[in-house]
Amino acid sequence: MGYDRHQGAAIRTAAATVAQQLAELTGTEPRVIADLGSVRIETDVTDAALCRWTHLLAVLELGSEYGVSNTPDGQIAWLRIELRRQGLRP
């Protein structure tokens, strides 16, 4: 069992598309962190993003999970895209 290469490529393409959308919404470059089994995308919550909060939320909802974290420097919106393992299904 493992990850399908095609699925991995599709997830990377989706992550790049989401990162581009977040860059347009926030005016900053998102951080893409590849992990075993998932990709996490983080971006600073800017004034531009707050003005388009509904659109930002719609992009975040594309992830398997998402949230907003408070930091000493401000807020960070993040989402995670999970890779599904291939194998037997119940």
N, C-alpha and C. Protein backbone atom coordinates (compact mmCIF):
# COMPACT_ATOMS: atom_id res chain seq x y z
N MET A 1 0.84 -1.17 0.00
CA MET A 1 0.00 0.00 0.00
C MET A 1 0.88 1.23 0.00
N GLY A 2 0.39 2.29 -0.58
CA GLY A 2 1.16 3.52 -0.63
C GLY A 2 0.39 4.61 -1.33
N TYR A 3 1.11 5.62 -1.70
CA TYR A 3 0.49 6.74 -2.38
C TYR A 3 0.65 6.59 -3.88
N ASP A 4 -0.38 6.83 -4.61
CA ASP A 4 -0.36 6.80 -6.05
C ASP A 4 0.39 8.02 -6.56
N ARG A 5 1.33 7.82 -7.49
CA ARG A 5 2.11 8.95 -8.01
C ARG A 5 1.23 9.99 -8.69
N HIS A 6 0.22 9.51 -9.41
CA HIS A 6 -0.68 10.44 -10.09
C HIS A 6 -1.46 11.27 -9.08
N GLN A 7 -1.87 10.63 -7.99
CA GLN A 7 -2.59 11.36 -6.95
C GLN A 7 -1.67 12.40 -6.32
N GLY A 8 -0.42 12.03 -6.08
CA GLY A 8 0.54 12.98 -5.52
C GLY A 8 0.73 14.18 -6.43
N ALA A 9 0.81 13.93 -7.73
CA ALA A 9 0.96 15.04 -8.68
C ALA A 9 -0.29 15.91 -8.69
N ALA A 10 -1.46 15.28 -8.60
CA ALA A 10 -2.71 16.04 -8.58
C ALA A 10 -2.80 16.91 -7.32
N ILE A 11 -2.35 16.37 -6.19
CA ILE A 11 -2.38 17.14 -4.94
C ILE A 11 -1.43 18.32 -5.03
N ARG A 12 -0.24 18.11 -5.60
CA ARG A 12 0.72 19.21 -5.75
C ARG A 12 0.15 20.30 -6.66
N THR A 13 -0.52 19.89 -7.74
CA THR A 13 -1.14 20.86 -8.65
C THR A 13 -2.25 21.63 -7.92
N ALA A 14 -3.07 20.91 -7.16
CA ALA A 14 -4.14 21.57 -6.40
C ALA A 14 -3.55 22.53 -5.38
N ALA A 15 -2.48 22.12 -4.71
CA ALA A 15 -1.84 22.99 -3.71
C ALA A 15 -1.30 24.25 -4.37
N ALA A 16 -0.71 24.12 -5.55
CA ALA A 16 -0.19 25.30 -6.26
C ALA A 16 -1.33 26.24 -6.65
N THR A 17 -2.45 25.68 -7.07
CA THR A 17 -3.61 26.50 -7.43
C THR A 17 -4.16 27.23 -6.21
N VAL A 18 -4.29 26.52 -5.10
CA VAL A 18 -4.77 27.13 -3.85
C VAL A 18 -3.81 28.22 -3.39
N ALA A 19 -2.51 27.94 -3.45
CA ALA A 19 -1.51 28.93 -3.04
C ALA A 19 -1.61 30.20 -3.90
N GLN A 20 -1.85 30.02 -5.19
CA GLN A 20 -2.00 31.18 -6.08
C GLN A 20 -3.23 32.00 -5.69
N GLN A 21 -4.34 31.32 -5.40
CA GLN A 21 -5.56 32.01 -4.99
C GLN A 21 -5.34 32.78 -3.69
N LEU A 22 -4.63 32.16 -2.75
CA LEU A 22 -4.36 32.83 -1.48
C LEU A 22 -3.45 34.04 -1.68
N ALA A 23 -2.48 33.93 -2.57
CA ALA A 23 -1.58 35.06 -2.86
C ALA A 23 -2.38 36.23 -3.42
N GLU A 24 -3.32 35.94 -4.31
CA GLU A 24 -4.15 37.00 -4.88
C GLU A 24 -5.04 37.64 -3.82
N LEU A 25 -5.55 36.85 -2.89
CA LEU A 25 -6.44 37.37 -1.85
C LEU A 25 -5.71 38.18 -0.79
N THR A 26 -4.50 37.75 -0.44
CA THR A 26 -3.79 38.37 0.68
C THR A 26 -2.73 39.38 0.26
N GLY A 27 -2.25 39.25 -0.98
CA GLY A 27 -1.16 40.11 -1.42
C GLY A 27 0.20 39.67 -0.89
N THR A 28 0.26 38.49 -0.29
CA THR A 28 1.52 37.94 0.22
C THR A 28 1.72 36.53 -0.35
N GLU A 29 2.93 36.07 -0.31
CA GLU A 29 3.24 34.73 -0.82
C GLU A 29 2.98 33.69 0.27
N PRO A 30 2.07 32.73 0.01
CA PRO A 30 1.80 31.68 0.99
C PRO A 30 3.01 30.76 1.16
N ARG A 31 3.03 30.08 2.27
CA ARG A 31 4.07 29.10 2.55
C ARG A 31 3.46 27.71 2.34
N VAL A 32 4.10 26.91 1.50
CA VAL A 32 3.63 25.56 1.21
C VAL A 32 4.59 24.58 1.86
N ILE A 33 4.07 23.76 2.75
CA ILE A 33 4.89 22.81 3.50
C ILE A 33 4.42 21.40 3.15
N ALA A 34 5.28 20.67 2.43
CA ALA A 34 4.96 19.28 2.07
C ALA A 34 5.36 18.38 3.23
N ASP A 35 4.45 17.51 3.60
CA ASP A 35 4.69 16.56 4.67
C ASP A 35 4.31 15.19 4.15
N LEU A 36 4.74 14.16 4.81
CA LEU A 36 4.37 12.82 4.40
C LEU A 36 2.86 12.66 4.57
N GLY A 37 2.17 12.49 3.47
CA GLY A 37 0.74 12.28 3.53
C GLY A 37 -0.13 13.52 3.44
N SER A 38 0.50 14.71 3.40
CA SER A 38 -0.32 15.93 3.31
C SER A 38 0.52 17.11 2.83
N VAL A 39 -0.18 18.14 2.46
CA VAL A 39 0.44 19.42 2.12
C VAL A 39 -0.27 20.47 2.96
N ARG A 40 0.49 21.31 3.64
CA ARG A 40 -0.07 22.40 4.45
C ARG A 40 0.28 23.71 3.77
N ILE A 41 -0.70 24.59 3.67
CA ILE A 41 -0.50 25.90 3.06
C ILE A 41 -0.88 26.95 4.10
N GLU A 42 0.03 27.88 4.36
CA GLU A 42 -0.19 28.95 5.34
C GLU A 42 -0.06 30.30 4.66
N THR A 43 -0.85 31.26 5.11
CA THR A 43 -0.72 32.62 4.61
C THR A 43 -1.06 33.60 5.72
N ASP A 44 -0.46 34.76 5.66
CA ASP A 44 -0.77 35.81 6.63
C ASP A 44 -2.15 36.37 6.32
N VAL A 45 -2.93 36.64 7.36
CA VAL A 45 -4.24 37.27 7.18
C VAL A 45 -4.01 38.77 7.15
N THR A 46 -4.09 39.33 5.96
CA THR A 46 -3.83 40.76 5.74
C THR A 46 -5.15 41.53 5.72
N ASP A 47 -5.05 42.85 5.71
CA ASP A 47 -6.25 43.69 5.59
C ASP A 47 -6.99 43.36 4.30
N ALA A 48 -6.23 43.10 3.22
CA ALA A 48 -6.86 42.75 1.94
C ALA A 48 -7.68 41.48 2.08
N ALA A 49 -7.15 40.51 2.81
CA ALA A 49 -7.87 39.24 3.02
C ALA A 49 -9.12 39.45 3.87
N LEU A 50 -9.01 40.31 4.88
CA LEU A 50 -10.17 40.58 5.74
C LEU A 50 -11.31 41.21 4.96
N CYS A 51 -10.98 42.04 3.97
CA CYS A 51 -12.01 42.68 3.14
C CYS A 51 -12.72 41.66 2.25
N ARG A 52 -12.10 40.52 2.03
CA ARG A 52 -12.67 39.48 1.17
C ARG A 52 -12.78 38.17 1.96
N TRP A 53 -13.19 38.28 3.21
CA TRP A 53 -13.20 37.14 4.12
C TRP A 53 -14.00 35.96 3.58
N THR A 54 -15.15 36.21 2.98
CA THR A 54 -15.99 35.12 2.47
C THR A 54 -15.25 34.34 1.38
N HIS A 55 -14.56 35.05 0.52
CA HIS A 55 -13.78 34.39 -0.54
C HIS A 55 -12.62 33.60 0.08
N LEU A 56 -11.94 34.20 1.06
CA LEU A 56 -10.84 33.51 1.73
C LEU A 56 -11.34 32.22 2.38
N LEU A 57 -12.47 32.29 3.04
CA LEU A 57 -13.04 31.10 3.69
C LEU A 57 -13.36 30.02 2.66
N ALA A 58 -13.88 30.42 1.50
CA ALA A 58 -14.19 29.45 0.44
C ALA A 58 -12.93 28.73 -0.03
N VAL A 59 -11.82 29.45 -0.13
CA VAL A 59 -10.55 28.82 -0.53
C VAL A 59 -10.06 27.89 0.58
N LEU A 60 -10.14 28.32 1.83
CA LEU A 60 -9.70 27.47 2.94
C LEU A 60 -10.50 26.18 3.01
N GLU A 61 -11.78 26.24 2.68
CA GLU A 61 -12.64 25.06 2.74
C GLU A 61 -12.28 24.01 1.70
N LEU A 62 -11.39 24.34 0.77
CA LEU A 62 -10.92 23.35 -0.20
C LEU A 62 -10.02 22.30 0.46
N GLY A 63 -9.52 22.60 1.63
CA GLY A 63 -8.63 21.68 2.34
C GLY A 63 -9.39 20.61 3.10
N SER A 64 -8.66 19.58 3.49
CA SER A 64 -9.23 18.52 4.34
C SER A 64 -9.57 19.07 5.71
N GLU A 65 -8.77 20.02 6.16
CA GLU A 65 -9.03 20.76 7.39
C GLU A 65 -8.41 22.13 7.23
N TYR A 66 -8.90 23.10 8.01
CA TYR A 66 -8.38 24.46 7.90
C TYR A 66 -8.61 25.19 9.21
N GLY A 67 -7.97 26.35 9.33
CA GLY A 67 -8.14 27.13 10.54
C GLY A 67 -7.40 28.45 10.46
N VAL A 68 -7.50 29.20 11.53
CA VAL A 68 -6.78 30.47 11.68
C VAL A 68 -6.08 30.42 13.03
N SER A 69 -4.79 30.73 13.02
CA SER A 69 -3.99 30.73 14.25
C SER A 69 -3.53 32.14 14.56
N ASN A 70 -3.55 32.48 15.84
CA ASN A 70 -3.02 33.77 16.29
C ASN A 70 -1.54 33.61 16.61
N THR A 71 -0.74 34.58 16.17
CA THR A 71 0.69 34.60 16.47
C THR A 71 1.02 35.99 17.00
N PRO A 72 2.20 36.18 17.57
CA PRO A 72 2.58 37.52 18.03
C PRO A 72 2.61 38.55 16.89
N ASP A 73 2.79 38.07 15.66
CA ASP A 73 2.86 38.98 14.51
C ASP A 73 1.52 39.17 13.79
N GLY A 74 0.47 38.50 14.22
CA GLY A 74 -0.83 38.61 13.56
C GLY A 74 -1.48 37.25 13.43
N GLN A 75 -2.36 37.13 12.45
CA GLN A 75 -3.07 35.88 12.23
C GLN A 75 -2.54 35.17 10.99
N ILE A 76 -2.58 33.84 11.06
CA ILE A 76 -2.19 33.00 9.93
C ILE A 76 -3.37 32.09 9.61
N ALA A 77 -3.81 32.12 8.36
CA ALA A 77 -4.83 31.19 7.88
C ALA A 77 -4.09 30.00 7.27
N TRP A 78 -4.59 28.81 7.52
CA TRP A 78 -3.92 27.62 7.01
C TRP A 78 -4.94 26.59 6.57
N LEU A 79 -4.50 25.72 5.68
CA LEU A 79 -5.30 24.57 5.29
C LEU A 79 -4.38 23.41 5.02
N ARG A 80 -4.91 22.22 5.16
CA ARG A 80 -4.15 21.00 4.91
C ARG A 80 -4.91 20.19 3.86
N ILE A 81 -4.17 19.69 2.89
CA ILE A 81 -4.72 18.79 1.88
C ILE A 81 -4.11 17.43 2.14
N GLU A 82 -4.94 16.48 2.49
CA GLU A 82 -4.48 15.13 2.84
C GLU A 82 -4.38 14.26 1.59
N LEU A 83 -3.36 13.43 1.54
CA LEU A 83 -3.25 12.40 0.51
C LEU A 83 -3.95 11.16 1.03
N ARG A 84 -4.69 10.51 0.18
CA ARG A 84 -5.36 9.27 0.59
C ARG A 84 -4.46 8.09 0.26
N ARG A 85 -4.40 7.14 1.16
CA ARG A 85 -3.64 5.92 0.91
C ARG A 85 -4.46 4.98 0.04
N GLN A 86 -3.75 4.30 -0.85
CA GLN A 86 -4.41 3.27 -1.64
C GLN A 86 -4.40 1.97 -0.85
N GLY A 87 -5.34 1.16 -1.10
CA GLY A 87 -5.37 -0.13 -0.41
C GLY A 87 -6.79 -0.63 -0.34
N LEU A 88 -6.98 -1.61 0.49
CA LEU A 88 -8.31 -2.20 0.63
C LEU A 88 -9.27 -1.23 1.28
N ARG A 89 -10.46 -1.23 0.78
CA ARG A 89 -11.51 -0.39 1.36
C ARG A 89 -12.55 -1.30 1.99
N PRO A 90 -13.11 -0.89 3.10
CA PRO A 90 -14.12 -1.74 3.77
C PRO A 90 -15.37 -1.91 2.94
